[in-house]
């Protein structure tokens, strides 16, 4: 992981991976929402933990909503290395158990905003929604609640100039191209996300393809290869 200074990333939060930062023109932009989506083991959680760690090392506060309960102390220490203790002091970790708890938390995040807040992460936006979906008789209410959460996060990031990064699980598309994947609740998450990254597996298990589908509100299509290592994201050898 490459280390940066705050002066190099005032508008964007670097990922610590040179190739990915180049793809994102410096990192995750403050003041807008970015979504990462992809199948399991494509690096979504590692990416957001690394972004949170680097932001904290730059002296920025991080709100991390771990709806998947996938943020582990071991993984954090592997990525943060010697700076783990100091970085952990600036990361506020929340662990909602239900979609209703996630909704209540998202709607009160304003209470935690300070001038030093740099990043808000939700990993993942869709897991508790998906669990509630399987039990609920009112799909309309669930979709409305998810859209409200996304709208609130988008407004919070724009108003407070923080980078909001969300992840999403995926399912198979029911429309062409058949066999491809898309985020759960695609229409809602795409509507509110200014930047969209699709993470894909490659023939090499530790190498992931990060495909940029939307950047700062404009449709694009460019990608980079990233190595998923014990220490986090690194540039993949060509």
Foldseek 3Di string as FASTA:
>chain_A
DAADECVQAVQAQAQRAVVVCVVQVRHFGFQAEEEEEEAPLLAPVLSVLSSLQRLLVNVAAEEEEEQVPPDDPQLSCLQNPPCSVSSVVRYHYHYDPAPVSVLVCLVPCVVVDDLRHAEYEYEALCPRLVVVVVVDPDPPVSLVSSLVSLVSLSVCRNVSRHRYYHYFYWDFDPDPVGPDIAGDSRVSVVVRHQWYWYWAADPDSQKIKTWTQHHRNHGDTDIAIWGQDSNGIYHDDD
